[in-house]
Amino acid sequence: MKETPEKHLEFDPETYTDPILEECYRIKAEINAEFKTLDKLYAYLKAGEKEDKRNGVKYVSYYDPSKRIPVEESNDDD
């Protein structure tokens, strides 16, 4: 079902900007400004991971979805 343009008079697709995408672009620009190469970004992330491990944070090395235990749904129709 297609909506007619009359329903959304204030919407202009030519000038519309998505605030979520704008935030993503801003964050990407900040990361690119701080880390000039992928090697520097990788080193920064690895250092953070080592710090987390020292603080007791555990990481999953590999996630296998086939070993996932399904959650039983309750059928409470109150």
Protein backbone atom coordinates (compact mmCIF):
# COMPACT_ATOMS: atom_id res chain seq x y z
CA MET A 1 0.00 0.00 0.00
CA LYS A 2 1.52 3.28 -1.06
CA GLU A 3 0.90 6.46 0.89
CA THR A 4 -0.04 9.56 -0.97
CA PRO A 5 2.18 12.66 -0.54
CA GLU A 6 -0.82 14.61 0.72
CA LYS A 7 -0.67 12.70 4.02
CA HIS A 8 2.79 14.08 4.88
CA LEU A 9 2.88 17.66 3.67
CA GLU A 10 5.75 18.68 6.01
CA PHE A 11 8.02 15.81 4.89
CA ASP A 12 10.56 16.67 2.21
CA PRO A 13 12.65 13.66 1.13
CA GLU A 14 15.20 15.96 -0.54
CA THR A 15 16.20 17.65 2.73
CA TYR A 16 15.38 14.92 5.29
CA THR A 17 18.26 13.74 7.48
CA ASP A 18 17.96 10.78 9.79
CA PRO A 19 19.19 11.75 13.28
CA ILE A 20 20.40 8.20 14.01
CA LEU A 21 22.48 8.10 10.82
CA GLU A 22 23.83 11.58 11.56
CA GLU A 23 25.00 10.34 14.98
CA CYS A 24 26.67 7.31 13.36
CA TYR A 25 28.45 9.58 10.87
CA ARG A 26 29.61 11.86 13.71
CA ILE A 27 31.01 8.93 15.72
CA LYS A 28 32.74 7.55 12.62
CA ALA A 29 34.35 10.94 11.97
CA GLU A 30 35.58 11.14 15.58
CA ILE A 31 37.11 7.66 15.39
CA ASN A 32 38.76 8.47 12.05
CA ALA A 33 40.19 11.70 13.48
CA GLU A 34 41.64 9.93 16.53
CA PHE A 35 43.01 6.81 14.83
CA LYS A 36 44.68 7.52 11.51
CA THR A 37 45.28 3.84 10.64
CA LEU A 38 43.51 0.56 11.33
CA ASP A 39 46.61 -0.67 13.14
CA LYS A 40 46.30 2.14 15.70
CA LEU A 41 42.60 1.42 16.20
CA TYR A 42 43.30 -2.31 16.55
CA ALA A 43 46.05 -1.67 19.12
CA TYR A 44 43.72 0.60 21.10
CA LEU A 45 40.93 -2.02 21.13
CA LYS A 46 43.37 -4.81 22.10
CA ALA A 47 44.72 -2.69 24.98
CA GLY A 48 41.16 -2.15 26.20
CA GLU A 49 40.48 -5.88 25.97
CA LYS A 50 43.61 -6.66 28.03
CA GLU A 51 42.55 -4.12 30.64
CA ASP A 52 39.08 -5.68 30.81
CA LYS A 53 40.59 -9.15 31.25
CA ARG A 54 42.72 -7.84 34.13
CA ASN A 55 39.52 -6.52 35.70
CA GLY A 56 37.80 -9.90 35.38
CA VAL A 57 35.69 -9.39 32.26
CA LYS A 58 35.32 -12.63 30.31
CA TYR A 59 35.13 -12.76 26.53
CA VAL A 60 33.63 -15.49 24.38
CA SER A 61 36.20 -16.52 21.83
CA TYR A 62 33.69 -18.10 19.46
CA TYR A 63 29.91 -18.16 19.50
CA ASP A 64 28.25 -21.23 18.00
CA PRO A 65 24.53 -20.59 17.48
CA SER A 66 23.86 -24.31 16.98
CA LYS A 67 24.68 -24.90 20.67
CA ARG A 68 22.20 -22.30 21.86
CA ILE A 69 19.73 -23.52 24.46
CA PRO A 70 16.22 -22.42 23.43
CA VAL A 71 14.21 -20.47 25.97
CA GLU A 72 10.86 -21.99 26.80
CA GLU A 73 7.97 -19.61 26.32
CA SER A 74 5.29 -19.47 28.97
CA ASN A 75 1.69 -19.64 27.81
CA ASP A 76 0.17 -17.51 30.56
CA ASP A 77 -3.00 -15.98 29.14
CA ASP A 78 -4.18 -13.99 32.16
